[in-house]
Amino acid sequence: MVRMLRDGQQVRVNLAGMRVGSVVFHAAVTDAVGTIVRQISEDPPTYLVKLLFSFRGVDEVEVPQGRIVAK
């Protein structure tokens, strides 16, 4: 059974290798801290995450559930 994440929940996300706009996250970005804004897709489960820190102007990312660890 997969545990669903909830809006407002603090999480850590693995952004290694992901591209958001013109920003490519390097292999070292495996433990970025953020907060779940909302679920944006059910199949596959994907969430909009507001990051604690901005990376080159990117502070929100769409992250598959498999890259998210609840705190």
PDB file of N, CA and C in Angstrom:
ATOM      1  N   MET A   1       0.844  -1.182   0.000  1.00  0.00           N
ATOM      2  CA  MET A   1       0.000   0.000   0.000  1.00  0.00           C
ATOM      3  C   MET A   1       0.887   1.242   0.000  1.00  0.00           C
ATOM      4  N   VAL A   2       0.613   2.181  -0.885  1.00  0.00           N
ATOM      5  CA  VAL A   2       1.386   3.409  -0.983  1.00  0.00           C
ATOM      6  C   VAL A   2       0.746   4.470  -0.101  1.00  0.00           C
ATOM      7  N   ARG A   3       1.556   5.099   0.725  1.00  0.00           N
ATOM      8  CA  ARG A   3       1.058   6.142   1.619  1.00  0.00           C
ATOM      9  C   ARG A   3       0.943   7.442   0.843  1.00  0.00           C
ATOM     10  N   MET A   4      -0.201   8.072   0.875  1.00  0.00           N
ATOM     11  CA  MET A   4      -0.413   9.322   0.170  1.00  0.00           C
ATOM     12  C   MET A   4       0.166  10.469   0.990  1.00  0.00           C
ATOM     13  N   LEU A   5       0.702  11.426   0.294  1.00  0.00           N
ATOM     14  CA  LEU A   5       1.223  12.616   0.946  1.00  0.00           C
ATOM     15  C   LEU A   5       0.094  13.636   1.048  1.00  0.00           C
ATOM     16  N   ARG A   6       0.198  14.564   1.985  1.00  0.00           N
ATOM     17  CA  ARG A   6      -0.878  15.535   2.169  1.00  0.00           C
ATOM     18  C   ARG A   6      -0.367  16.957   1.953  1.00  0.00           C
ATOM     19  N   ASP A   7      -1.259  17.848   1.545  1.00  0.00           N
ATOM     20  CA  ASP A   7      -0.918  19.253   1.357  1.00  0.00           C
ATOM     21  C   ASP A   7      -0.355  19.820   2.656  1.00  0.00           C
ATOM     22  N   GLY A   8       0.715  20.601   2.548  1.00  0.00           N
ATOM     23  CA  GLY A   8       1.334  21.222   3.716  1.00  0.00           C
ATOM     24  C   GLY A   8       2.358  20.349   4.423  1.00  0.00           C
ATOM     25  N   GLN A   9       2.499  19.101   4.012  1.00  0.00           N
ATOM     26  CA  GLN A   9       3.436  18.181   4.653  1.00  0.00           C
ATOM     27  C   GLN A   9       4.872  18.519   4.253  1.00  0.00           C
ATOM     28  N   GLN A  10       5.776  18.547   5.231  1.00  0.00           N
ATOM     29  CA  GLN A  10       7.193  18.787   4.945  1.00  0.00           C
ATOM     30  C   GLN A  10       7.813  17.504   4.420  1.00  0.00           C
ATOM     31  N   VAL A  11       8.647  17.654   3.381  1.00  0.00           N
ATOM     32  CA  VAL A  11       9.256  16.498   2.728  1.00  0.00           C
ATOM     33  C   VAL A  11      10.691  16.821   2.322  1.00  0.00           C
ATOM     34  N   ARG A  12      11.398  15.787   1.943  1.00  0.00           N
ATOM     35  CA  ARG A  12      12.707  15.908   1.309  1.00  0.00           C
ATOM     36  C   ARG A  12      12.566  15.288  -0.077  1.00  0.00           C
ATOM     37  N   VAL A  13      13.129  15.964  -1.087  1.00  0.00           N
ATOM     38  CA  VAL A  13      12.971  15.479  -2.457  1.00  0.00           C
ATOM     39  C   VAL A  13      14.325  15.273  -3.123  1.00  0.00           C
ATOM     40  N   ASN A  14      14.390  14.250  -3.957  1.00  0.00           N
ATOM     41  CA  ASN A  14      15.581  13.944  -4.736  1.00  0.00           C
ATOM     42  C   ASN A  14      15.382  14.582  -6.115  1.00  0.00           C
ATOM     43  N   LEU A  15      16.111  15.647  -6.396  1.00  0.00           N
ATOM     44  CA  LEU A  15      15.976  16.365  -7.664  1.00  0.00           C
ATOM     45  C   LEU A  15      17.101  16.033  -8.638  1.00  0.00           C
ATOM     46  N   ALA A  16      17.980  15.110  -8.271  1.00  0.00           N
ATOM     47  CA  ALA A  16      19.146  14.770  -9.093  1.00  0.00           C
ATOM     48  C   ALA A  16      18.734  14.413 -10.514  1.00  0.00           C
ATOM     49  N   GLY A  17      19.302  15.133 -11.485  1.00  0.00           N
ATOM     50  CA  GLY A  17      19.059  14.852 -12.890  1.00  0.00           C
ATOM     51  C   GLY A  17      17.769  15.411 -13.453  1.00  0.00           C
ATOM     52  N   MET A  18      16.942  16.017 -12.626  1.00  0.00           N
ATOM     53  CA  MET A  18      15.678  16.581 -13.124  1.00  0.00           C
ATOM     54  C   MET A  18      15.918  17.924 -13.789  1.00  0.00           C
ATOM     55  N   ARG A  19      15.092  18.242 -14.782  1.00  0.00           N
ATOM     56  CA  ARG A  19      15.140  19.534 -15.462  1.00  0.00           C
ATOM     57  C   ARG A  19      13.823  20.251 -15.192  1.00  0.00           C
ATOM     58  N   VAL A  20      13.931  21.509 -14.745  1.00  0.00           N
ATOM     59  CA  VAL A  20      12.766  22.368 -14.540  1.00  0.00           C
ATOM     60  C   VAL A  20      13.050  23.658 -15.300  1.00  0.00           C
ATOM     61  N   GLY A  21      12.368  23.842 -16.419  1.00  0.00           N
ATOM     62  CA  GLY A  21      12.667  24.988 -17.272  1.00  0.00           C
ATOM     63  C   GLY A  21      14.098  24.891 -17.762  1.00  0.00           C
ATOM     64  N   SER A  22      14.882  25.928 -17.514  1.00  0.00           N
ATOM     65  CA  SER A  22      16.281  25.929 -17.949  1.00  0.00           C
ATOM     66  C   SER A  22      17.236  25.423 -16.873  1.00  0.00           C
ATOM     67  N   VAL A  23      16.700  25.029 -15.723  1.00  0.00           N
ATOM     68  CA  VAL A  23      17.534  24.567 -14.611  1.00  0.00           C
ATOM     69  C   VAL A  23      17.621  23.043 -14.616  1.00  0.00           C
ATOM     70  N   VAL A  24      18.854  22.528 -14.631  1.00  0.00           N
ATOM     71  CA  VAL A  24      19.091  21.092 -14.503  1.00  0.00           C
ATOM     72  C   VAL A  24      19.729  20.867 -13.139  1.00  0.00           C
ATOM     73  N   PHE A  25      19.103  20.038 -12.334  1.00  0.00           N
ATOM     74  CA  PHE A  25      19.630  19.756 -10.998  1.00  0.00           C
ATOM     75  C   PHE A  25      20.716  18.697 -11.106  1.00  0.00           C
ATOM     76  N   HIS A  26      21.850  18.971 -10.489  1.00  0.00           N
ATOM     77  CA  HIS A  26      22.993  18.069 -10.545  1.00  0.00           C
ATOM     78  C   HIS A  26      22.798  16.892  -9.590  1.00  0.00           C
ATOM     79  N   ALA A  27      23.663  15.914  -9.711  1.00  0.00           N
ATOM     80  CA  ALA A  27      23.571  14.686  -8.914  1.00  0.00           C
ATOM     81  C   ALA A  27      23.607  14.938  -7.412  1.00  0.00           C
ATOM     82  N   ALA A  28      24.172  16.065  -6.984  1.00  0.00           N
ATOM     83  CA  ALA A  28      24.312  16.350  -5.554  1.00  0.00           C
ATOM     84  C   ALA A  28      22.996  16.793  -4.902  1.00  0.00           C
ATOM     85  N   VAL A  29      21.983  17.138  -5.693  1.00  0.00           N
ATOM     86  CA  VAL A  29      20.731  17.645  -5.125  1.00  0.00           C
ATOM     87  C   VAL A  29      19.789  16.463  -4.864  1.00  0.00           C
ATOM     88  N   THR A  30      20.108  15.709  -3.826  1.00  0.00           N
ATOM     89  CA  THR A  30      19.346  14.504  -3.512  1.00  0.00           C
ATOM     90  C   THR A  30      18.501  14.641  -2.256  1.00  0.00           C
ATOM     91  N   ASP A  31      18.604  15.778  -1.564  1.00  0.00           N
ATOM     92  CA  ASP A  31      17.932  15.910  -0.273  1.00  0.00           C
ATOM     93  C   ASP A  31      17.430  17.339  -0.078  1.00  0.00           C
ATOM     94  N   ALA A  32      16.705  17.873  -1.075  1.00  0.00           N
ATOM     95  CA  ALA A  32      16.174  19.233  -0.981  1.00  0.00           C
ATOM     96  C   ALA A  32      14.933  19.238  -0.088  1.00  0.00           C
ATOM     97  N   VAL A  33      14.835  20.217   0.781  1.00  0.00           N
ATOM     98  CA  VAL A  33      13.721  20.328   1.722  1.00  0.00           C
ATOM     99  C   VAL A  33      12.612  21.166   1.093  1.00  0.00           C
ATOM    100  N   GLY A  34      11.373  20.715   1.290  1.00  0.00           N
ATOM    101  CA  GLY A  34      10.242  21.460   0.750  1.00  0.00           C
ATOM    102  C   GLY A  34       8.945  21.082   1.428  1.00  0.00           C
ATOM    103  N   THR A  35       7.850  21.640   0.893  1.00  0.00           N
ATOM    104  CA  THR A  35       6.512  21.407   1.423  1.00  0.00           C
ATOM    105  C   THR A  35       5.584  21.036   0.263  1.00  0.00           C
ATOM    106  N   ILE A  36       4.756  20.023   0.472  1.00  0.00           N
ATOM    107  CA  ILE A  36       3.784  19.628  -0.535  1.00  0.00           C
ATOM    108  C   ILE A  36       2.762  20.754  -0.694  1.00  0.00           C
ATOM    109  N   VAL A  37       2.565  21.231  -1.929  1.00  0.00           N
ATOM    110  CA  VAL A  37       1.530  22.216  -2.216  1.00  0.00           C
ATOM    111  C   VAL A  37       0.236  21.487  -2.532  1.00  0.00           C
ATOM    112  N   ARG A  38       0.312  20.534  -3.472  1.00  0.00           N
ATOM    113  CA  ARG A  38      -0.861  19.736  -3.822  1.00  0.00           C
ATOM    114  C   ARG A  38      -0.446  18.585  -4.738  1.00  0.00           C
ATOM    115  N   GLN A  39      -1.293  17.592  -4.836  1.00  0.00           N
ATOM    116  CA  GLN A  39      -1.071  16.502  -5.780  1.00  0.00           C
ATOM    117  C   GLN A  39      -1.556  16.984  -7.138  1.00  0.00           C
ATOM    118  N   ILE A  40      -0.743  16.777  -8.183  1.00  0.00           N
ATOM    119  CA  ILE A  40      -1.120  17.257  -9.508  1.00  0.00           C
ATOM    120  C   ILE A  40      -1.432  16.135 -10.483  1.00  0.00           C
ATOM    121  N   SER A  41      -1.102  14.895 -10.121  1.00  0.00           N
ATOM    122  CA  SER A  41      -1.384  13.751 -10.982  1.00  0.00           C
ATOM    123  C   SER A  41      -1.542  12.515 -10.114  1.00  0.00           C
ATOM    124  N   GLU A  42      -2.440  11.629 -10.525  1.00  0.00           N
ATOM    125  CA  GLU A  42      -2.635  10.388  -9.778  1.00  0.00           C
ATOM    126  C   GLU A  42      -1.920   9.207 -10.405  1.00  0.00           C
ATOM    127  N   ASP A  43      -1.702   9.238 -11.709  1.00  0.00           N
ATOM    128  CA  ASP A  43      -1.076   8.103 -12.385  1.00  0.00           C
ATOM    129  C   ASP A  43      -0.044   8.600 -13.379  1.00  0.00           C
ATOM    130  N   PRO A  44       1.204   8.671 -13.007  1.00  0.00           N
ATOM    131  CA  PRO A  44       1.784   8.309 -11.712  1.00  0.00           C
ATOM    132  C   PRO A  44       1.569   9.428 -10.689  1.00  0.00           C
ATOM    133  N   PRO A  45       1.577   9.085  -9.396  1.00  0.00           N
ATOM    134  CA  PRO A  45       1.408  10.113  -8.372  1.00  0.00           C
ATOM    135  C   PRO A  45       2.537  11.150  -8.460  1.00  0.00           C
ATOM    136  N   THR A  46       2.150  12.405  -8.673  1.00  0.00           N
ATOM    137  CA  THR A  46       3.111  13.496  -8.802  1.00  0.00           C
ATOM    138  C   THR A  46       2.601  14.664  -7.974  1.00  0.00           C
ATOM    139  N   TYR A  47       3.539  15.367  -7.324  1.00  0.00           N
ATOM    140  CA  TYR A  47       3.175  16.440  -6.421  1.00  0.00           C
ATOM    141  C   TYR A  47       3.910  17.723  -6.778  1.00  0.00           C
ATOM    142  N   LEU A  48       3.243  18.854  -6.554  1.00  0.00           N
ATOM    143  CA  LEU A  48       3.890  20.150  -6.653  1.00  0.00           C
ATOM    144  C   LEU A  48       4.499  20.429  -5.288  1.00  0.00           C
ATOM    145  N   VAL A  49       5.814  20.668  -5.275  1.00  0.00           N
ATOM    146  CA  VAL A  49       6.539  20.881  -4.025  1.00  0.00           C
ATOM    147  C   VAL A  49       7.142  22.283  -4.034  1.00  0.00           C
ATOM    148  N   LYS A  50       6.884  23.040  -2.973  1.00  0.00           N
ATOM    149  CA  LYS A  50       7.483  24.368  -2.768  1.00  0.00           C
ATOM    150  C   LYS A  50       8.787  24.137  -2.011  1.00  0.00           C
ATOM    151  N   LEU A  51       9.905  24.489  -2.648  1.00  0.00           N
ATOM    152  CA  LEU A  51      11.213  24.269  -2.040  1.00  0.00           C
ATOM    153  C   LEU A  51      11.517  25.325  -0.990  1.00  0.00           C
ATOM    154  N   LEU A  52      12.277  24.939   0.032  1.00  0.00           N
ATOM    155  CA  LEU A  52      12.687  25.871   1.070  1.00  0.00           C
ATOM    156  C   LEU A  52      13.650  26.906   0.493  1.00  0.00           C
ATOM    157  N   PHE A  53      14.497  26.481  -0.444  1.00  0.00           N
ATOM    158  CA  PHE A  53      15.458  27.373  -1.077  1.00  0.00           C
ATOM    159  C   PHE A  53      15.184  27.418  -2.571  1.00  0.00           C
ATOM    160  N   SER A  54      15.474  28.555  -3.168  1.00  0.00           N
ATOM    161  CA  SER A  54      15.331  28.717  -4.614  1.00  0.00           C
ATOM    162  C   SER A  54      16.629  28.308  -5.299  1.00  0.00           C
ATOM    163  N   PHE A  55      16.515  27.569  -6.393  1.00  0.00           N
ATOM    164  CA  PHE A  55      17.660  27.179  -7.206  1.00  0.00           C
ATOM    165  C   PHE A  55      17.564  27.930  -8.527  1.00  0.00           C
ATOM    166  N   ARG A  56      18.363  28.974  -8.688  1.00  0.00           N
ATOM    167  CA  ARG A  56      18.340  29.805  -9.904  1.00  0.00           C
ATOM    168  C   ARG A  56      16.933  30.265 -10.247  1.00  0.00           C
ATOM    169  N   GLY A  57      16.207  30.701  -9.246  1.00  0.00           N
ATOM    170  CA  GLY A  57      14.859  31.214  -9.447  1.00  0.00           C
ATOM    171  C   GLY A  57      13.765  30.168  -9.413  1.00  0.00           C
ATOM    172  N   VAL A  58      14.112  28.891  -9.374  1.00  0.00           N
ATOM    173  CA  VAL A  58      13.121  27.816  -9.309  1.00  0.00           C
ATOM    174  C   VAL A  58      12.846  27.500  -7.839  1.00  0.00           C
ATOM    175  N   ASP A  59      11.598  27.717  -7.412  1.00  0.00           N
ATOM    176  CA  ASP A  59      11.256  27.402  -6.023  1.00  0.00           C
ATOM    177  C   ASP A  59      10.063  26.457  -5.908  1.00  0.00           C
ATOM    178  N   GLU A  60       9.482  26.063  -7.043  1.00  0.00           N
ATOM    179  CA  GLU A  60       8.436  25.043  -7.051  1.00  0.00           C
ATOM    180  C   GLU A  60       8.758  24.029  -8.149  1.00  0.00           C
ATOM    181  N   VAL A  61       8.597  22.757  -7.818  1.00  0.00           N
ATOM    182  CA  VAL A  61       8.895  21.694  -8.773  1.00  0.00           C
ATOM    183  C   VAL A  61       7.814  20.622  -8.714  1.00  0.00           C
ATOM    184  N   GLU A  62       7.572  19.976  -9.850  1.00  0.00           N
ATOM    185  CA  GLU A  62       6.673  18.838  -9.911  1.00  0.00           C
ATOM    186  C   GLU A  62       7.519  17.582  -9.742  1.00  0.00           C
ATOM    187  N   VAL A  63       7.224  16.822  -8.695  1.00  0.00           N
ATOM    188  CA  VAL A  63       8.086  15.695  -8.315  1.00  0.00           C
ATOM    189  C   VAL A  63       7.267  14.407  -8.241  1.00  0.00           C
ATOM    190  N   PRO A  64       7.734  13.338  -8.913  1.00  0.00           N
ATOM    191  CA  PRO A  64       7.066  12.035  -8.769  1.00  0.00           C
ATOM    192  C   PRO A  64       7.181  11.545  -7.325  1.00  0.00           C
ATOM    193  N   GLN A  65       6.168  10.832  -6.865  1.00  0.00           N
ATOM    194  CA  GLN A  65       6.141  10.365  -5.474  1.00  0.00           C
ATOM    195  C   GLN A  65       7.370   9.533  -5.111  1.00  0.00           C
ATOM    196  N   GLY A  66       7.936   8.795  -6.054  1.00  0.00           N
ATOM    197  CA  GLY A  66       9.092   7.961  -5.774  1.00  0.00           C
ATOM    198  C   GLY A  66      10.344   8.743  -5.411  1.00  0.00           C
ATOM    199  N   ARG A  67      10.359  10.044  -5.676  1.00  0.00           N
ATOM    200  CA  ARG A  67      11.500  10.902  -5.337  1.00  0.00           C
ATOM    201  C   ARG A  67      11.260  11.703  -4.064  1.00  0.00           C
ATOM    202  N   ILE A  68      10.168  11.425  -3.368  1.00  0.00           N
ATOM    203  CA  ILE A  68       9.779  12.190  -2.164  1.00  0.00           C
ATOM    204  C   ILE A  68       9.875  11.307  -0.930  1.00  0.00           C
ATOM    205  N   VAL A  69      10.475  11.865   0.125  1.00  0.00           N
ATOM    206  CA  VAL A  69      10.528  11.192   1.421  1.00  0.00           C
ATOM    207  C   VAL A  69       9.869  12.105   2.443  1.00  0.00           C
ATOM    208  N   ALA A  70       8.841  11.604   3.122  1.00  0.00           N
ATOM    209  CA  ALA A  70       8.165  12.378   4.147  1.00  0.00           C
ATOM    210  C   ALA A  70       9.073  12.550   5.355  1.00  0.00           C
ATOM    211  N   LYS A  71       9.025  13.724   5.965  1.00  0.00           N
ATOM    212  CA  LYS A  71       9.842  13.999   7.155  1.00  0.00           C
ATOM    213  C   LYS A  71       9.143  13.507   8.396  1.00  0.00           C
TER     214      LYS A  71
END
